[in-house]
Amino acid sequence: MDFEFMTDVTGQPLAKCDIESEALGDWLSHDIGTNKNAINSLLQSIEQLHNNQRTDVDIIGKIYHLSIADDEVELFLNNNQTNHSEFEDDYDDGPIAGCGLVEFNHLLESWLEFIN
């Protein structure tokens, strides 16, 4: 997955991911933002997954629901967001983005470094 980080005109950090993972960039920018505790908690959860100390992770944010299981990361729109007609036909409650756990871990670590 290709990604880049920048700041908007107000100085807020923004994550932009390639077209297949575009929603992950939006999730990172708006659901996680500069919440370092949330990022560190996710990184710790990923470490626990690698060490077989847990089998999955589910995080429900403001806009998105992140699900991690079997080394795969999937991002869904929250149920309240799919009530909008613009989303109904495109996603049908399926994931709107996904990537491997290693890629996701790299994205989080890079984001954390960027916002520090």
N, C-alpha and C. Protein backbone atom coordinates (compact mmCIF):
# COMPACT_ATOMS: atom_id res chain seq x y z
N MET A 1 0.84 -1.17 0.00
CA MET A 1 0.00 0.00 0.00
C MET A 1 0.89 1.24 0.00
N ASP A 2 0.57 2.15 -0.89
CA ASP A 2 1.27 3.43 -0.93
C ASP A 2 0.48 4.44 -0.12
N PHE A 3 1.20 5.28 0.60
CA PHE A 3 0.54 6.32 1.38
C PHE A 3 1.47 7.50 1.52
N GLU A 4 0.87 8.65 1.83
CA GLU A 4 1.64 9.85 2.14
C GLU A 4 0.88 10.64 3.19
N PHE A 5 1.61 11.42 3.95
CA PHE A 5 1.03 12.24 4.99
C PHE A 5 1.33 13.70 4.70
N MET A 6 0.38 14.55 5.05
CA MET A 6 0.53 15.98 4.85
C MET A 6 -0.31 16.68 5.90
N THR A 7 -0.27 17.99 5.91
CA THR A 7 -1.15 18.76 6.78
C THR A 7 -2.06 19.61 5.92
N ASP A 8 -3.28 19.83 6.40
CA ASP A 8 -4.21 20.68 5.67
C ASP A 8 -3.93 22.14 6.00
N VAL A 9 -4.74 23.03 5.48
CA VAL A 9 -4.50 24.46 5.67
C VAL A 9 -4.61 24.90 7.13
N THR A 10 -5.30 24.11 7.95
CA THR A 10 -5.42 24.45 9.37
C THR A 10 -4.32 23.79 10.21
N GLY A 11 -3.45 23.01 9.56
CA GLY A 11 -2.37 22.35 10.28
C GLY A 11 -2.70 20.96 10.77
N GLN A 12 -3.91 20.46 10.47
CA GLN A 12 -4.30 19.11 10.88
C GLN A 12 -3.65 18.09 9.96
N PRO A 13 -3.14 16.98 10.52
CA PRO A 13 -2.52 15.97 9.68
C PRO A 13 -3.56 15.20 8.87
N LEU A 14 -3.19 14.85 7.64
CA LEU A 14 -4.04 14.07 6.75
C LEU A 14 -3.25 12.91 6.19
N ALA A 15 -3.90 11.76 6.10
CA ALA A 15 -3.29 10.58 5.50
C ALA A 15 -3.98 10.31 4.17
N LYS A 16 -3.20 10.09 3.15
CA LYS A 16 -3.72 9.74 1.83
C LYS A 16 -3.12 8.39 1.44
N CYS A 17 -4.00 7.44 1.14
CA CYS A 17 -3.57 6.11 0.72
C CYS A 17 -3.95 5.90 -0.73
N ASP A 18 -3.35 4.88 -1.37
CA ASP A 18 -3.68 4.59 -2.76
C ASP A 18 -5.16 4.28 -2.91
N ILE A 19 -5.63 4.25 -4.12
CA ILE A 19 -7.06 4.19 -4.40
C ILE A 19 -7.73 2.96 -3.78
N GLU A 20 -7.06 1.82 -3.74
CA GLU A 20 -7.65 0.62 -3.15
C GLU A 20 -7.79 0.73 -1.64
N SER A 21 -6.99 1.56 -1.03
CA SER A 21 -6.98 1.71 0.43
C SER A 21 -7.34 3.13 0.86
N GLU A 22 -7.97 3.86 -0.02
CA GLU A 22 -8.28 5.27 0.24
C GLU A 22 -9.03 5.48 1.56
N ALA A 23 -9.95 4.59 1.87
CA ALA A 23 -10.74 4.72 3.11
C ALA A 23 -9.86 4.58 4.35
N LEU A 24 -8.78 3.81 4.27
CA LEU A 24 -7.87 3.69 5.42
C LEU A 24 -7.23 5.04 5.74
N GLY A 25 -6.90 5.80 4.72
CA GLY A 25 -6.36 7.14 4.95
C GLY A 25 -7.38 8.05 5.61
N ASP A 26 -8.64 7.94 5.16
CA ASP A 26 -9.70 8.74 5.76
C ASP A 26 -9.94 8.31 7.21
N TRP A 27 -9.92 7.01 7.46
CA TRP A 27 -10.08 6.49 8.82
C TRP A 27 -8.97 7.03 9.72
N LEU A 28 -7.74 6.96 9.22
CA LEU A 28 -6.61 7.42 10.02
C LEU A 28 -6.72 8.92 10.30
N SER A 29 -7.11 9.69 9.30
CA SER A 29 -7.21 11.14 9.46
C SER A 29 -8.34 11.56 10.38
N HIS A 30 -9.49 10.87 10.30
CA HIS A 30 -10.68 11.35 11.00
C HIS A 30 -11.09 10.53 12.22
N ASP A 31 -10.95 9.22 12.16
CA ASP A 31 -11.32 8.42 13.34
C ASP A 31 -10.18 8.35 14.36
N ILE A 32 -8.95 8.29 13.89
CA ILE A 32 -7.81 8.20 14.80
C ILE A 32 -7.18 9.57 15.03
N GLY A 33 -6.93 10.29 13.97
CA GLY A 33 -6.35 11.62 14.07
C GLY A 33 -5.03 11.63 14.83
N THR A 34 -4.92 12.50 15.80
CA THR A 34 -3.68 12.63 16.57
C THR A 34 -3.76 11.93 17.92
N ASN A 35 -4.69 11.01 18.06
CA ASN A 35 -4.87 10.27 19.32
C ASN A 35 -3.77 9.21 19.46
N LYS A 36 -2.67 9.62 20.07
CA LYS A 36 -1.52 8.72 20.22
C LYS A 36 -1.84 7.51 21.08
N ASN A 37 -2.72 7.67 22.06
CA ASN A 37 -3.13 6.53 22.89
C ASN A 37 -3.83 5.47 22.06
N ALA A 38 -4.70 5.89 21.14
CA ALA A 38 -5.40 4.94 20.27
C ALA A 38 -4.42 4.22 19.35
N ILE A 39 -3.46 4.96 18.82
CA ILE A 39 -2.46 4.35 17.93
C ILE A 39 -1.61 3.35 18.69
N ASN A 40 -1.13 3.75 19.86
CA ASN A 40 -0.31 2.84 20.66
C ASN A 40 -1.09 1.61 21.10
N SER A 41 -2.36 1.79 21.41
CA SER A 41 -3.21 0.66 21.78
C SER A 41 -3.37 -0.30 20.60
N LEU A 42 -3.56 0.24 19.41
CA LEU A 42 -3.66 -0.60 18.22
C LEU A 42 -2.36 -1.35 17.95
N LEU A 43 -1.24 -0.65 18.09
CA LEU A 43 0.06 -1.30 17.88
C LEU A 43 0.28 -2.41 18.90
N GLN A 44 -0.15 -2.18 20.13
CA GLN A 44 -0.05 -3.21 21.16
C GLN A 44 -0.95 -4.40 20.82
N SER A 45 -2.14 -4.13 20.32
CA SER A 45 -3.06 -5.20 19.92
C SER A 45 -2.47 -6.03 18.78
N ILE A 46 -1.81 -5.36 17.84
CA ILE A 46 -1.17 -6.07 16.73
C ILE A 46 -0.06 -6.97 17.25
N GLU A 47 0.70 -6.47 18.21
CA GLU A 47 1.76 -7.29 18.83
C GLU A 47 1.14 -8.51 19.50
N GLN A 48 0.03 -8.34 20.19
CA GLN A 48 -0.66 -9.46 20.83
C GLN A 48 -1.16 -10.46 19.79
N LEU A 49 -1.62 -9.99 18.66
CA LEU A 49 -2.03 -10.89 17.58
C LEU A 49 -0.85 -11.71 17.08
N HIS A 50 0.28 -11.05 16.90
CA HIS A 50 1.49 -11.75 16.44
C HIS A 50 1.95 -12.81 17.43
N ASN A 51 1.75 -12.53 18.72
CA ASN A 51 2.17 -13.46 19.77
C ASN A 51 1.08 -14.46 20.16
N ASN A 52 0.01 -14.51 19.37
CA ASN A 52 -1.11 -15.41 19.62
C ASN A 52 -1.75 -15.20 21.00
N GLN A 53 -1.72 -13.98 21.50
CA GLN A 53 -2.33 -13.65 22.77
C GLN A 53 -3.77 -13.20 22.60
N ARG A 54 -4.17 -12.96 21.35
CA ARG A 54 -5.55 -12.64 21.03
C ARG A 54 -5.79 -13.05 19.58
N THR A 55 -7.06 -13.22 19.23
CA THR A 55 -7.37 -13.72 17.89
C THR A 55 -7.92 -12.65 16.95
N ASP A 56 -8.46 -11.58 17.51
CA ASP A 56 -9.01 -10.53 16.66
C ASP A 56 -9.08 -9.21 17.41
N VAL A 57 -9.33 -8.16 16.62
CA VAL A 57 -9.46 -6.82 17.16
C VAL A 57 -10.62 -6.15 16.41
N ASP A 58 -11.51 -5.52 17.14
CA ASP A 58 -12.60 -4.74 16.55
C ASP A 58 -12.64 -3.38 17.21
N ILE A 59 -12.62 -2.34 16.39
CA ILE A 59 -12.65 -0.98 16.91
C ILE A 59 -13.73 -0.21 16.14
N ILE A 60 -14.68 0.32 16.87
CA ILE A 60 -15.73 1.11 16.26
C ILE A 60 -15.43 2.58 16.51
N GLY A 61 -15.22 3.31 15.43
CA GLY A 61 -14.90 4.73 15.53
C GLY A 61 -16.09 5.59 15.17
N LYS A 62 -15.81 6.86 14.93
CA LYS A 62 -16.86 7.81 14.61
C LYS A 62 -17.52 7.51 13.26
N ILE A 63 -16.71 7.11 12.29
CA ILE A 63 -17.19 6.88 10.93
C ILE A 63 -17.05 5.42 10.52
N TYR A 64 -15.97 4.79 10.97
CA TYR A 64 -15.62 3.45 10.49
C TYR A 64 -15.55 2.42 11.60
N HIS A 65 -15.63 1.17 11.19
CA HIS A 65 -15.45 0.01 12.06
C HIS A 65 -14.25 -0.75 11.49
N LEU A 66 -13.21 -0.89 12.30
CA LEU A 66 -12.00 -1.60 11.91
C LEU A 66 -12.04 -3.00 12.49
N SER A 67 -11.76 -3.99 11.67
CA SER A 67 -11.75 -5.37 12.11
C SER A 67 -10.44 -6.03 11.67
N ILE A 68 -9.76 -6.67 12.62
CA ILE A 68 -8.52 -7.36 12.31
C ILE A 68 -8.67 -8.81 12.76
N ALA A 69 -8.43 -9.73 11.83
CA ALA A 69 -8.47 -11.17 12.13
C ALA A 69 -7.68 -11.91 11.06
N ASP A 70 -7.01 -12.96 11.46
CA ASP A 70 -6.26 -13.81 10.51
C ASP A 70 -5.31 -13.00 9.64
N ASP A 71 -4.55 -12.11 10.22
CA ASP A 71 -3.56 -11.29 9.51
C ASP A 71 -4.16 -10.39 8.44
N GLU A 72 -5.46 -10.16 8.49
CA GLU A 72 -6.12 -9.28 7.53
C GLU A 72 -6.82 -8.14 8.27
N VAL A 73 -6.74 -6.97 7.71
CA VAL A 73 -7.38 -5.79 8.25
C VAL A 73 -8.49 -5.39 7.28
N GLU A 74 -9.69 -5.21 7.81
CA GLU A 74 -10.82 -4.78 6.99
C GLU A 74 -11.48 -3.57 7.62
N LEU A 75 -11.89 -2.66 6.79
CA LEU A 75 -12.52 -1.43 7.24
C LEU A 75 -13.93 -1.36 6.66
N PHE A 76 -14.89 -1.11 7.54
CA PHE A 76 -16.30 -1.01 7.16
C PHE A 76 -16.83 0.35 7.56
N LEU A 77 -17.82 0.83 6.85
CA LEU A 77 -18.54 2.01 7.30
C LEU A 77 -19.41 1.59 8.48
N ASN A 78 -19.52 2.44 9.48
CA ASN A 78 -20.44 2.15 10.58
C ASN A 78 -21.85 2.02 10.03
N ASN A 79 -22.68 1.25 10.72
CA ASN A 79 -24.05 1.04 10.27
C ASN A 79 -24.80 2.33 10.05
N ASN A 80 -24.59 3.31 10.93
CA ASN A 80 -25.32 4.57 10.77
C ASN A 80 -24.87 5.33 9.53
N GLN A 81 -23.70 5.04 9.04
CA GLN A 81 -23.22 5.71 7.83
C GLN A 81 -23.78 5.07 6.56
N THR A 82 -24.13 3.78 6.59
CA THR A 82 -24.61 3.12 5.39
C THR A 82 -26.06 3.44 5.09
N ASN A 83 -26.72 4.19 5.96
CA ASN A 83 -28.09 4.61 5.70
C ASN A 83 -28.16 5.65 4.59
N HIS A 84 -27.04 6.25 4.26
CA HIS A 84 -27.01 7.24 3.20
C HIS A 84 -27.01 6.53 1.85
N SER A 85 -27.87 6.96 0.95
CA SER A 85 -28.04 6.28 -0.33
C SER A 85 -26.76 6.23 -1.15
N GLU A 86 -25.86 7.18 -0.96
CA GLU A 86 -24.63 7.18 -1.73
C GLU A 86 -23.75 5.98 -1.41
N PHE A 87 -23.92 5.38 -0.23
CA PHE A 87 -23.09 4.25 0.17
C PHE A 87 -23.77 2.90 -0.05
N GLU A 88 -25.07 2.86 -0.09
CA GLU A 88 -25.80 1.59 -0.10
C GLU A 88 -25.42 0.72 -1.28
N ASP A 89 -25.42 1.26 -2.48
CA ASP A 89 -25.15 0.45 -3.66
C ASP A 89 -23.69 0.04 -3.77
N ASP A 90 -22.80 0.87 -3.29
CA ASP A 90 -21.38 0.60 -3.48
C ASP A 90 -20.82 -0.46 -2.55
N TYR A 91 -21.32 -0.58 -1.34
CA TYR A 91 -20.64 -1.42 -0.37
C TYR A 91 -21.47 -2.57 0.19
N ASP A 92 -22.76 -2.47 0.22
CA ASP A 92 -23.62 -3.56 0.69
C ASP A 92 -23.09 -4.24 1.95
N ASP A 93 -22.69 -3.46 2.93
CA ASP A 93 -22.21 -3.94 4.23
C ASP A 93 -20.90 -4.71 4.16
N GLY A 94 -20.25 -4.75 3.03
CA GLY A 94 -18.94 -5.40 2.91
C GLY A 94 -17.84 -4.41 3.24
N PRO A 95 -16.61 -4.92 3.32
CA PRO A 95 -15.50 -4.01 3.62
C PRO A 95 -15.30 -3.00 2.50
N ILE A 96 -14.93 -1.79 2.89
CA ILE A 96 -14.67 -0.76 1.89
C ILE A 96 -13.18 -0.61 1.62
N ALA A 97 -12.36 -1.21 2.48
CA ALA A 97 -10.91 -1.21 2.28
C ALA A 97 -10.33 -2.33 3.12
N GLY A 98 -9.15 -2.74 2.76
CA GLY A 98 -8.47 -3.76 3.52
C GLY A 98 -7.00 -3.83 3.14
N CYS A 99 -6.24 -4.50 3.98
CA CYS A 99 -4.82 -4.70 3.71
C CYS A 99 -4.31 -5.80 4.65
N GLY A 100 -3.08 -6.18 4.46
CA GLY A 100 -2.46 -7.15 5.35
C GLY A 100 -2.04 -6.50 6.66
N LEU A 101 -1.88 -7.33 7.67
CA LEU A 101 -1.54 -6.83 9.00
C LEU A 101 -0.17 -6.16 9.03
N VAL A 102 0.79 -6.67 8.28
CA VAL A 102 2.14 -6.08 8.26
C VAL A 102 2.08 -4.69 7.65
N GLU A 103 1.34 -4.54 6.54
CA GLU A 103 1.18 -3.23 5.92
C GLU A 103 0.50 -2.25 6.86
N PHE A 104 -0.53 -2.73 7.54
CA PHE A 104 -1.27 -1.88 8.46
C PHE A 104 -0.40 -1.42 9.62
N ASN A 105 0.41 -2.33 10.15
CA ASN A 105 1.33 -1.99 11.23
C ASN A 105 2.30 -0.90 10.77
N HIS A 106 2.82 -1.04 9.56
CA HIS A 106 3.74 -0.04 9.01
C HIS A 106 3.04 1.32 8.85
N LEU A 107 1.78 1.30 8.39
CA LEU A 107 1.01 2.53 8.25
C LEU A 107 0.85 3.23 9.59
N LEU A 108 0.48 2.47 10.63
CA LEU A 108 0.30 3.05 11.97
C LEU A 108 1.60 3.63 12.53
N GLU A 109 2.69 2.87 12.40
CA GLU A 109 3.98 3.35 12.92
C GLU A 109 4.42 4.62 12.20
N SER A 110 4.20 4.66 10.89
CA SER A 110 4.57 5.84 10.11
C SER A 110 3.70 7.05 10.49
N TRP A 111 2.41 6.81 10.71
CA TRP A 111 1.50 7.88 11.13
C TRP A 111 1.93 8.43 12.49
N LEU A 112 2.24 7.54 13.42
CA LEU A 112 2.65 7.95 14.76
C LEU A 112 3.91 8.81 14.67
N GLU A 113 4.84 8.42 13.84
CA GLU A 113 6.06 9.19 13.67
C GLU A 113 5.76 10.56 13.06
N PHE A 114 4.83 10.60 12.10
CA PHE A 114 4.47 11.84 11.44
C PHE A 114 3.83 12.84 12.41
N ILE A 115 2.95 12.37 13.27
CA ILE A 115 2.23 13.30 14.15
C ILE A 115 3.04 13.69 15.39
N ASN A 116 4.14 13.02 15.64
CA ASN A 116 4.97 13.38 16.81
C ASN A 116 5.72 14.66 16.62
